[in-house]
Protein backbone atom coordinates (compact mmCIF):
# COMPACT_ATOMS: atom_id res chain seq x y z
CA MET A 1 -20.01 58.78 34.22
CA LYS A 2 -22.10 57.16 31.59
CA ARG A 3 -20.03 59.05 29.07
CA ALA A 4 -16.65 57.77 30.53
CA LEU A 5 -18.30 54.46 29.82
CA THR A 6 -19.51 54.65 26.52
CA VAL A 7 -16.29 56.37 25.78
CA THR A 8 -14.24 52.96 26.98
CA LEU A 9 -16.62 50.63 25.21
CA ILE A 10 -15.92 52.22 22.08
CA LEU A 11 -12.43 52.25 22.44
CA MET A 12 -12.76 48.59 23.56
CA MET A 13 -14.69 47.99 20.34
CA LEU A 14 -11.82 49.95 17.99
CA PHE A 15 -9.26 48.04 19.77
CA THR A 16 -11.18 44.41 18.67
CA PHE A 17 -11.98 45.63 15.16
CA ALA A 18 -7.71 46.35 14.84
CA ALA A 19 -6.87 43.07 16.11
CA CYS A 20 -9.02 41.04 13.99
CA ASP A 21 -7.73 43.28 10.90
CA THR A 22 -4.35 42.87 11.82
CA GLY A 23 -4.84 38.94 12.22
CA ILE A 24 -4.79 38.95 15.81
CA SER A 25 -7.72 37.05 15.70
CA GLY A 26 -9.85 35.68 12.74
CA SER A 27 -7.66 34.31 9.73
CA ARG A 28 -4.50 35.50 9.30
CA LYS A 29 -3.67 38.29 6.42
CA ALA A 30 -2.68 37.02 2.91
CA ASN A 31 1.20 37.95 2.59
CA PRO A 32 1.83 40.29 -0.01
CA VAL A 33 1.87 39.22 -4.13
CA SER A 34 5.27 40.16 -4.14
CA ASP A 35 6.23 37.31 -2.19
CA PHE A 36 5.48 35.19 -5.03
CA ASP A 37 6.42 34.13 -8.26
CA TYR A 38 3.38 33.52 -10.06
CA TRP A 39 1.38 32.46 -13.62
CA ILE A 40 -1.48 33.70 -14.92
CA SER A 41 -3.69 31.95 -17.69
CA GLU A 42 -3.93 33.52 -20.78
CA ASN A 43 -7.86 33.88 -20.82
CA ARG A 44 -6.99 34.92 -17.20
CA ASP A 45 -9.25 32.39 -15.15
CA ARG A 46 -6.71 30.84 -12.92
CA ALA A 47 -3.55 31.62 -11.37
CA ILE A 48 -0.62 29.26 -10.47
CA ILE A 49 2.03 29.90 -7.37
CA LEU A 50 5.46 29.18 -9.22
CA ARG A 51 7.99 30.18 -6.31
CA TYR A 52 7.72 31.82 -3.02
CA LEU A 53 10.07 34.70 -2.95
CA GLY A 54 9.38 35.90 0.47
CA THR A 55 11.21 35.53 3.96
CA ALA A 56 8.47 35.17 6.12
CA ALA A 57 8.19 31.95 8.04
CA ASP A 58 4.53 31.87 8.68
CA VAL A 59 3.09 32.17 4.95
CA VAL A 60 -0.48 32.53 3.94
CA ILE A 61 -1.18 32.14 0.31
CA PRO A 62 -3.57 34.94 -1.17
CA GLU A 63 -6.66 33.30 -2.65
CA SER A 64 -6.63 35.52 -5.65
CA ILE A 65 -3.50 37.44 -7.53
CA GLU A 66 -5.21 40.27 -9.86
CA ASN A 67 -8.48 39.61 -8.79
CA ILE A 68 -7.81 35.90 -10.39
CA PRO A 69 -8.26 32.74 -8.32
CA VAL A 70 -5.13 31.23 -7.49
CA GLU A 71 -5.70 27.47 -8.23
CA SER A 72 -2.83 25.36 -8.02
CA ILE A 73 0.83 25.68 -6.20
CA TYR A 74 3.45 24.45 -8.53
CA SER A 75 6.16 21.81 -8.31
CA PHE A 76 9.18 23.04 -5.90
CA ALA A 77 7.36 25.97 -5.34
CA PHE A 78 8.84 26.49 -1.53
CA SER A 79 10.98 23.18 -1.79
CA TYR A 80 13.89 23.90 0.44
CA THR A 81 12.70 26.78 2.02
CA ASN A 82 12.39 27.68 5.95
CA ILE A 83 8.98 27.98 6.10
CA LYS A 84 7.54 26.98 9.46
CA SER A 85 3.79 27.01 8.55
CA ILE A 86 1.50 27.49 5.50
CA ASP A 87 -2.12 28.47 5.05
CA ILE A 88 -4.01 27.33 1.74
CA PRO A 89 -6.87 28.71 0.61
CA ASP A 90 -9.91 27.24 -0.47
CA SER A 91 -9.39 28.38 -4.10
CA VAL A 92 -6.65 25.99 -4.49
CA VAL A 93 -7.23 22.67 -5.97
CA SER A 94 -4.05 20.88 -6.41
CA ILE A 95 -0.66 20.87 -4.72
CA MET A 96 1.73 19.61 -7.61
CA SER A 97 4.83 17.10 -7.10
CA ASP A 98 7.36 18.32 -4.75
CA ALA A 99 5.92 21.37 -3.85
CA PHE A 100 6.97 21.25 -0.09
CA VAL A 101 10.04 18.91 -0.40
CA HIS A 102 12.62 19.15 2.01
CA CYS A 103 11.12 21.79 4.09
CA THR A 104 12.50 20.40 7.30
CA GLU A 105 11.17 23.44 9.48
CA LEU A 106 7.44 23.36 8.43
CA GLU A 107 5.34 22.61 11.55
CA THR A 108 1.78 23.26 10.14
CA VAL A 109 0.01 23.01 7.08
CA LYS A 110 -3.69 24.13 6.62
CA PHE A 111 -5.33 22.53 3.71
CA GLY A 112 -8.27 24.53 1.79
CA ALA A 113 -11.23 22.63 1.69
CA ASN A 114 -11.18 22.19 -2.21
CA ILE A 115 -7.81 20.42 -2.53
CA GLU A 116 -8.66 17.68 -4.69
CA GLN A 117 -5.03 16.19 -5.74
CA ILE A 118 -1.67 16.45 -3.72
CA GLU A 119 0.57 14.63 -5.97
CA SER A 120 3.89 12.87 -5.41
CA GLY A 121 6.92 13.79 -3.01
CA ALA A 122 4.72 16.68 -2.25
CA PHE A 123 6.03 17.12 1.62
CA TRP A 124 8.45 14.46 1.44
CA GLU A 125 11.16 14.56 4.16
CA CYS A 126 8.69 17.75 6.20
CA THR A 127 10.75 16.41 9.32
CA ALA A 128 8.91 18.79 11.80
CA LEU A 129 5.60 18.24 10.46
CA LYS A 130 3.23 16.94 13.32
CA GLU A 131 -0.20 16.46 12.11
CA ALA A 132 -1.66 16.26 8.70
CA TYR A 133 -5.45 16.62 8.44
CA LEU A 134 -6.13 15.96 4.75
CA PRO A 135 -8.88 17.64 3.22
CA GLY A 136 -12.38 16.37 2.87
CA GLY A 137 -12.66 16.01 -1.13
CA LEU A 138 -9.46 14.93 -1.87
CA LYS A 139 -9.30 12.35 -4.48
CA ARG A 140 -5.56 11.90 -5.45
CA LEU A 141 -2.77 11.32 -3.33
CA GLY A 142 0.72 10.65 -4.79
CA ASN A 143 3.47 8.51 -4.03
CA TYR A 144 5.62 9.47 -1.66
CA ALA A 145 3.42 12.30 -1.01
CA PHE A 146 4.26 12.67 3.05
CA SER A 147 7.25 10.10 3.12
CA GLY A 148 10.28 10.92 5.64
CA CYS A 149 7.96 12.99 7.72
CA THR A 150 9.61 11.75 10.65
CA SER A 151 7.84 13.79 13.63
CA LEU A 152 4.50 13.43 11.68
CA GLU A 153 1.95 11.44 14.76
CA THR A 154 -1.36 12.23 13.24
CA VAL A 155 -3.00 11.21 10.09
CA PHE A 156 -6.64 11.84 8.92
CA ILE A 157 -7.49 10.13 5.53
CA PRO A 158 -10.78 11.28 4.05
CA ALA A 159 -13.68 9.05 2.57
CA SER A 160 -13.35 11.10 -0.99
CA LEU A 161 -9.78 9.02 -1.17
CA THR A 162 -10.86 6.13 -1.64
CA THR A 163 -7.74 4.69 -3.34
CA GLN A 164 -3.49 5.44 -3.03
CA ASP A 165 -1.39 6.09 -6.13
CA GLN A 166 0.00 2.89 -7.68
CA ASN A 167 -2.56 0.67 -5.11
CA THR A 168 -2.31 -2.13 -7.04
CA ASP A 169 1.13 -2.69 -5.88
CA PRO A 170 0.92 -1.73 -2.69
CA TRP A 171 4.54 -2.38 -1.94
CA GLU A 172 5.09 0.21 -4.30
CA SER A 173 2.65 2.78 -2.75
CA ASP A 174 5.15 4.66 -0.07
CA THR A 175 2.74 7.67 0.54
CA PHE A 176 3.50 7.51 4.16
CA ALA A 177 6.89 5.50 4.54
CA ASP A 178 9.25 5.92 7.04
CA ASN A 179 7.29 8.07 9.28
CA THR A 180 8.99 6.68 12.27
CA SER A 181 6.83 8.93 14.78
CA LEU A 182 3.43 8.07 13.36
CA LYS A 183 0.94 6.69 16.12
CA ASN A 184 -2.77 7.84 14.90
CA ILE A 185 -4.20 7.03 11.88
CA ILE A 186 -7.72 8.37 11.40
CA PHE A 187 -9.57 6.64 8.36
CA GLU A 188 -13.13 8.50 7.91
CA GLU A 189 -16.40 6.53 8.11
CA GLY A 190 -17.07 6.34 4.54
CA THR A 191 -13.70 4.76 3.43
CA GLU A 192 -14.00 1.86 1.11
CA ILE A 193 -10.27 0.88 0.62
CA ILE A 194 -7.30 0.74 2.64
CA GLY A 195 -3.97 0.55 0.65
CA GLY A 196 -0.24 -0.26 1.73
CA GLY A 197 1.06 3.20 1.74
CA PHE A 198 2.07 3.09 5.53
CA VAL A 199 5.41 1.69 5.44
CA SER A 200 7.89 1.11 8.20
CA CYS A 201 5.64 3.18 10.47
CA THR A 202 7.45 2.07 13.44
CA SER A 203 5.76 3.81 16.02
CA LEU A 204 2.08 2.56 15.00
CA GLN A 205 0.94 0.44 17.70
CA LYS A 206 -2.91 -0.02 16.98
CA VAL A 207 -5.56 0.98 13.50
CA THR A 208 -8.91 0.98 13.55
CA VAL A 209 -10.60 0.11 10.61
CA PRO A 210 -14.32 1.82 10.13
CA ALA A 211 -17.52 -0.52 9.44
CA SER A 212 -17.14 1.24 5.48
CA VAL A 213 -14.01 -0.65 4.58
CA LYS A 214 -14.68 -3.28 1.69
CA GLN A 215 -11.32 -3.75 0.78
CA VAL A 216 -7.52 -3.93 2.53
CA LEU A 217 -4.77 -4.05 -0.20
CA VAL A 218 -2.08 -6.66 0.81
CA PRO A 219 0.10 -5.85 2.62
CA ALA A 220 -1.15 -3.25 4.51
CA PHE A 221 0.90 -1.40 7.30
CA PRO A 222 4.06 -3.54 5.98
CA LYS A 223 7.22 -3.46 8.26
CA CYS A 224 5.23 -1.66 10.88
CA GLU A 225 6.84 -4.00 13.06
CA ASN A 226 5.12 -2.55 16.69
CA LEU A 227 1.83 -2.91 15.21
CA THR A 228 -0.14 -5.29 17.70
CA GLU A 229 -3.84 -4.39 17.72
CA ILE A 230 -6.09 -3.82 14.31
CA VAL A 231 -9.60 -3.52 15.35
CA PHE A 232 -12.33 -3.74 12.52
CA GLU A 233 -15.82 -1.94 13.11
CA GLY A 234 -17.76 -3.84 10.20
CA ASP A 235 -18.24 -6.79 8.14
CA ALA A 236 -14.75 -8.75 7.39
CA PRO A 237 -13.37 -6.66 4.19
CA LYS A 238 -11.80 -8.66 0.70
CA PHE A 239 -7.75 -8.99 1.20
CA VAL A 240 -6.73 -8.22 -2.39
CA GLY A 241 -3.40 -10.17 -3.16
CA MET A 242 -3.53 -11.93 0.07
CA TYR A 243 -1.18 -14.39 -1.39
CA LYS A 244 0.87 -12.90 -3.73
CA SER A 245 4.74 -13.51 -3.54
CA GLY A 246 3.78 -15.41 -0.37
CA ASN A 247 2.56 -11.81 1.13
CA VAL A 248 0.71 -12.07 4.23
CA ALA A 249 -2.30 -9.29 5.23
CA PHE A 250 -0.72 -6.99 7.65
CA GLY A 251 2.88 -7.10 6.07
CA ILE A 252 6.25 -8.57 7.71
CA HIS A 253 7.21 -7.96 11.10
CA GLY A 254 11.12 -8.99 10.85
CA PRO A 255 13.70 -9.76 8.77
CA GLY A 256 12.20 -13.04 6.93
CA ASN A 257 8.50 -14.54 6.19
CA ARG A 258 8.16 -16.54 9.44
CA GLU A 259 4.96 -17.26 10.89
CA ASP A 260 6.13 -15.45 14.05
CA ASP A 261 6.59 -12.13 12.51
CA TYR A 262 2.52 -11.74 12.16
CA ARG A 263 1.24 -13.89 14.48
CA ASN A 264 1.33 -11.27 17.29
CA ILE A 265 -1.19 -9.35 15.71
CA LYS A 266 -4.34 -9.24 17.85
CA VAL A 267 -7.46 -8.62 15.04
CA TYR A 268 -10.78 -7.64 17.18
CA TYR A 269 -13.93 -7.96 15.30
CA HIS A 270 -17.80 -7.72 16.25
CA PRO A 271 -19.10 -11.29 16.23
CA ASP A 272 -22.52 -10.48 14.97
CA LYS A 273 -20.97 -8.68 11.66
CA GLU A 274 -20.54 -10.73 8.57
CA GLY A 275 -17.72 -13.02 6.87
CA TRP A 276 -15.54 -13.14 10.37
CA ASP A 277 -16.32 -17.00 10.14
CA THR A 278 -14.76 -17.49 6.87
CA THR A 279 -12.13 -14.71 6.44
CA VAL A 280 -8.91 -15.91 5.43
CA LEU A 281 -7.61 -14.22 8.41
CA ARG A 282 -8.62 -17.29 10.84
CA GLY A 283 -5.38 -19.46 11.41
CA LYS A 284 -3.01 -16.80 10.83
CA TYR A 285 -3.98 -14.14 13.41
CA ASN A 286 -4.64 -13.93 16.84
CA LEU A 287 -8.87 -13.16 16.21
CA ILE A 288 -10.81 -11.87 19.09
CA PRO A 289 -14.52 -11.38 19.38
CA ILE A 290 -15.19 -7.63 20.54
CA GLU A 291 -17.86 -8.34 23.72
CA GLU A 292 -20.70 -5.75 23.37
């Protein structure tokens, strides 16, 4: 009886190990190197994925090729392919422009922990993508990087990304433009600047601004016509470009620059925080103190 039990336990352990090895649980197994066209530097210290050649819908990029770390995904490497998920290893530090443009079946992206830059149009028109949890060390997010992702509902913005591309002219910073399903923007505590990259996100109704934010580039959340609540957790930030070309702080909600286009927004703030008595928002928005 004991022997039978021992044999059963051994078989269970072997089955569990086999399951982990095949990717049934734990990390998924990387795609074979033959699925990729790639380039290796002359001194053989980095590799770049140039093009996806495989047919699998679920893709795991290998962390190394020929024992050389994969550091970048090149422009148009996966563009117009039918992939459904992509797992990017920690070795990757950059995703170049248009790398995943028009991957209309892409639903899931797992970013590696060490990505520092995502260039312009990288995920443009990935219309099936629902979430974008950007990596914690991201330093650059290019214009139109996630524009036209019409199924995108949740975005996480790390504190490391204190500015967005072309942030001096927020109307041109269309990083998340036309994401008509976007409902949740999560700004990590430590974020200091909020830019104007959320253009025409028509499902957006509420935004929470963390206490660490010091500047808001005007107009923020332009043409987000259903945005009605903005909650500030800290001191009143500086609104950069408040009166540039007649812009109001939180964009234009209708066809013209009329007062009723933006008075519908309720601005919630903590009265014990600094700057709210003199903020430029007074007289323009409905400021509501949060009762502690």
